[in-house]
Amino acid sequence: MKTLLRTGIITLFAFATFLLSTINVNAQSKSETDKTYIKIEVDGLSCPFCAYGLEKKLVQAGSKDVLIELEEGEATMSVPKDQQPTEEELQKIVKDAGFTPKEITFSSTPFKMKKDEK
């Protein structure tokens, strides 16, 4: 009887663990599809201090994961789809930070970063 009870508890625990991990994976997948990924090509980025100023402005626009690559002159970020700024709003943010916006790209999937290719 004790063996049967112990086996049942172990099986129940294993099933609960599997169920919780499946829910967590689905929640992560859903959160990724609820985002818009944005890449902004920027003229004038020359130093980390400059990049920090632009990063602060983009964070104010609703992104929590701004990444600026100085060598490429690019800023990437993601925002919730329901808070996606327009291209005009992004151009204004970049100009107000003291830079010249070039091409702005919106995507439903993350951009591959140069540092990830190394």
C-alpha atoms as a PDB file:
ATOM      1  CA  MET A   1       0.000   0.000   0.000  1.00  0.00           C
ATOM      2  CA  LYS A   2       2.804   2.427   0.893  1.00  0.00           C
ATOM      3  CA  THR A   3       4.559   1.611  -2.385  1.00  0.00           C
ATOM      4  CA  LEU A   4       1.396   2.295  -4.368  1.00  0.00           C
ATOM      5  CA  LEU A   5       0.852   5.606  -2.562  1.00  0.00           C
ATOM      6  CA  ARG A   6       4.476   6.606  -3.067  1.00  0.00           C
ATOM      7  CA  THR A   7       4.295   5.755  -6.799  1.00  0.00           C
ATOM      8  CA  GLY A   8       1.088   7.751  -7.154  1.00  0.00           C
ATOM      9  CA  ILE A   9       2.615  10.807  -5.480  1.00  0.00           C
ATOM     10  CA  ILE A  10       5.729  10.614  -7.673  1.00  0.00           C
ATOM     11  CA  THR A  11       3.596  10.267 -10.813  1.00  0.00           C
ATOM     12  CA  LEU A  12       1.399  13.177  -9.773  1.00  0.00           C
ATOM     13  CA  PHE A  13       4.462  15.331  -9.046  1.00  0.00           C
ATOM     14  CA  ALA A  14       6.029  14.467 -12.426  1.00  0.00           C
ATOM     15  CA  PHE A  15       2.781  15.295 -14.241  1.00  0.00           C
ATOM     16  CA  ALA A  16       2.426  18.624 -12.402  1.00  0.00           C
ATOM     17  CA  THR A  17       6.031  19.529 -13.270  1.00  0.00           C
ATOM     18  CA  PHE A  18       5.439  18.711 -16.935  1.00  0.00           C
ATOM     19  CA  LEU A  19       2.206  20.693 -16.991  1.00  0.00           C
ATOM     20  CA  LEU A  20       3.796  23.776 -15.403  1.00  0.00           C
ATOM     21  CA  SER A  21       6.770  23.720 -17.784  1.00  0.00           C
ATOM     22  CA  THR A  22       4.415  23.485 -20.778  1.00  0.00           C
ATOM     23  CA  ILE A  23       2.413  26.478 -19.555  1.00  0.00           C
ATOM     24  CA  ASN A  24       5.631  28.482 -19.083  1.00  0.00           C
ATOM     25  CA  VAL A  25       6.845  27.691 -22.636  1.00  0.00           C
ATOM     26  CA  ASN A  26       3.476  28.712 -24.095  1.00  0.00           C
ATOM     27  CA  ALA A  27       3.529  31.969 -22.129  1.00  0.00           C
ATOM     28  CA  GLN A  28       7.008  32.789 -23.444  1.00  0.00           C
ATOM     29  CA  SER A  29       5.980  32.035 -27.022  1.00  0.00           C
ATOM     30  CA  LYS A  30       2.885  34.193 -26.677  1.00  0.00           C
ATOM     31  CA  SER A  31       4.872  37.103 -25.231  1.00  0.00           C
ATOM     32  CA  GLU A  32       7.252  36.995 -28.209  1.00  0.00           C
ATOM     33  CA  THR A  33       4.364  37.150 -30.678  1.00  0.00           C
ATOM     34  CA  ASP A  34       2.886  40.121 -28.822  1.00  0.00           C
ATOM     35  CA  LYS A  35       5.962  42.219 -29.636  1.00  0.00           C
ATOM     36  CA  THR A  36       7.045  44.320 -32.564  1.00  0.00           C
ATOM     37  CA  TYR A  37      10.775  44.411 -33.219  1.00  0.00           C
ATOM     38  CA  ILE A  38      12.209  47.654 -34.546  1.00  0.00           C
ATOM     39  CA  LYS A  39      15.579  48.425 -36.133  1.00  0.00           C
ATOM     40  CA  ILE A  40      16.578  52.040 -36.708  1.00  0.00           C
ATOM     41  CA  GLU A  41      19.604  53.018 -38.761  1.00  0.00           C
ATOM     42  CA  VAL A  42      21.061  56.173 -37.219  1.00  0.00           C
ATOM     43  CA  ASP A  43      23.622  58.668 -38.537  1.00  0.00           C
ATOM     44  CA  GLY A  44      25.810  60.412 -35.987  1.00  0.00           C
ATOM     45  CA  LEU A  45      26.390  57.681 -33.393  1.00  0.00           C
ATOM     46  CA  SER A  46      30.069  57.936 -32.537  1.00  0.00           C
ATOM     47  CA  CYS A  47      30.574  57.241 -28.838  1.00  0.00           C
ATOM     48  CA  PRO A  48      28.983  55.322 -25.948  1.00  0.00           C
ATOM     49  CA  PHE A  49      27.829  58.568 -24.331  1.00  0.00           C
ATOM     50  CA  CYS A  50      25.910  59.473 -27.511  1.00  0.00           C
ATOM     51  CA  ALA A  51      24.418  55.991 -27.629  1.00  0.00           C
ATOM     52  CA  TYR A  52      23.269  56.287 -24.013  1.00  0.00           C
ATOM     53  CA  GLY A  53      21.407  59.526 -24.803  1.00  0.00           C
ATOM     54  CA  LEU A  54      19.559  57.853 -27.675  1.00  0.00           C
ATOM     55  CA  GLU A  55      18.884  54.762 -25.561  1.00  0.00           C
ATOM     56  CA  LYS A  56      17.214  56.878 -22.852  1.00  0.00           C
ATOM     57  CA  LYS A  57      14.912  58.474 -25.455  1.00  0.00           C
ATOM     58  CA  LEU A  58      13.938  55.090 -26.932  1.00  0.00           C
ATOM     59  CA  VAL A  59      13.223  53.641 -23.494  1.00  0.00           C
ATOM     60  CA  GLN A  60      10.845  56.556 -22.901  1.00  0.00           C
ATOM     61  CA  ALA A  61       9.059  55.438 -26.090  1.00  0.00           C
ATOM     62  CA  GLY A  62       8.134  52.154 -24.390  1.00  0.00           C
ATOM     63  CA  SER A  63      10.984  49.722 -24.997  1.00  0.00           C
ATOM     64  CA  LYS A  64      12.790  47.936 -22.184  1.00  0.00           C
ATOM     65  CA  ASP A  65      15.419  46.230 -24.322  1.00  0.00           C
ATOM     66  CA  VAL A  66      17.121  48.847 -26.465  1.00  0.00           C
ATOM     67  CA  LEU A  67      20.419  47.715 -27.946  1.00  0.00           C
ATOM     68  CA  ILE A  68      22.648  50.158 -29.799  1.00  0.00           C
ATOM     69  CA  GLU A  69      25.499  48.990 -32.002  1.00  0.00           C
ATOM     70  CA  LEU A  70      27.884  51.895 -32.580  1.00  0.00           C
ATOM     71  CA  GLU A  71      29.920  50.272 -35.356  1.00  0.00           C
ATOM     72  CA  GLU A  72      26.818  49.535 -37.418  1.00  0.00           C
ATOM     73  CA  GLY A  73      24.998  52.744 -36.516  1.00  0.00           C
ATOM     74  CA  GLU A  74      21.884  50.793 -35.534  1.00  0.00           C
ATOM     75  CA  ALA A  75      19.450  50.776 -32.653  1.00  0.00           C
ATOM     76  CA  THR A  76      17.206  47.762 -32.122  1.00  0.00           C
ATOM     77  CA  MET A  77      14.383  47.350 -29.662  1.00  0.00           C
ATOM     78  CA  SER A  78      11.074  45.664 -29.103  1.00  0.00           C
ATOM     79  CA  VAL A  79       7.786  47.075 -27.903  1.00  0.00           C
ATOM     80  CA  PRO A  80       4.394  45.547 -27.160  1.00  0.00           C
ATOM     81  CA  LYS A  81       2.312  45.495 -30.352  1.00  0.00           C
ATOM     82  CA  ASP A  82      -0.392  47.606 -28.745  1.00  0.00           C
ATOM     83  CA  GLN A  83       2.187  50.317 -27.918  1.00  0.00           C
ATOM     84  CA  GLN A  84       4.041  50.320 -31.248  1.00  0.00           C
ATOM     85  CA  PRO A  85       5.226  53.820 -32.180  1.00  0.00           C
ATOM     86  CA  THR A  86       4.805  55.042 -35.744  1.00  0.00           C
ATOM     87  CA  GLU A  87       7.734  55.631 -38.049  1.00  0.00           C
ATOM     88  CA  GLU A  88       7.177  59.370 -37.707  1.00  0.00           C
ATOM     89  CA  GLU A  89       7.265  59.163 -33.900  1.00  0.00           C
ATOM     90  CA  LEU A  90      10.534  57.211 -34.046  1.00  0.00           C
ATOM     91  CA  GLN A  91      12.055  59.717 -36.466  1.00  0.00           C
ATOM     92  CA  LYS A  92      11.129  62.538 -34.087  1.00  0.00           C
ATOM     93  CA  ILE A  93      12.659  60.686 -31.105  1.00  0.00           C
ATOM     94  CA  VAL A  94      15.934  60.136 -32.980  1.00  0.00           C
ATOM     95  CA  LYS A  95      16.042  63.767 -34.188  1.00  0.00           C
ATOM     96  CA  ASP A  96      15.258  65.087 -30.691  1.00  0.00           C
ATOM     97  CA  ALA A  97      18.181  63.015 -29.384  1.00  0.00           C
ATOM     98  CA  GLY A  98      20.438  64.852 -31.849  1.00  0.00           C
ATOM     99  CA  PHE A  99      20.820  62.241 -34.581  1.00  0.00           C
ATOM    100  CA  THR A 100      19.654  61.677 -38.137  1.00  0.00           C
ATOM    101  CA  PRO A 101      17.273  58.743 -38.599  1.00  0.00           C
ATOM    102  CA  LYS A 102      17.709  56.699 -41.750  1.00  0.00           C
ATOM    103  CA  GLU A 103      15.854  53.469 -42.492  1.00  0.00           C
ATOM    104  CA  ILE A 104      13.380  52.174 -39.880  1.00  0.00           C
ATOM    105  CA  THR A 105      12.349  48.527 -40.102  1.00  0.00           C
ATOM    106  CA  PHE A 106       9.469  46.848 -38.248  1.00  0.00           C
ATOM    107  CA  SER A 107       9.378  43.062 -37.838  1.00  0.00           C
ATOM    108  CA  SER A 108       7.400  40.379 -36.049  1.00  0.00           C
ATOM    109  CA  THR A 109      10.618  38.433 -35.367  1.00  0.00           C
ATOM    110  CA  PRO A 110      13.813  39.547 -33.591  1.00  0.00           C
ATOM    111  CA  PHE A 111      16.679  40.905 -35.676  1.00  0.00           C
ATOM    112  CA  LYS A 112      19.928  38.962 -35.803  1.00  0.00           C
ATOM    113  CA  MET A 113      22.580  41.103 -34.165  1.00  0.00           C
ATOM    114  CA  LYS A 114      26.173  41.390 -35.397  1.00  0.00           C
ATOM    115  CA  LYS A 115      27.503  40.380 -31.954  1.00  0.00           C
ATOM    116  CA  ASP A 116      25.460  37.134 -32.187  1.00  0.00           C
ATOM    117  CA  GLU A 117      27.289  36.163 -35.388  1.00  0.00           C
ATOM    118  CA  LYS A 118      30.730  36.052 -33.736  1.00  0.00           C
END
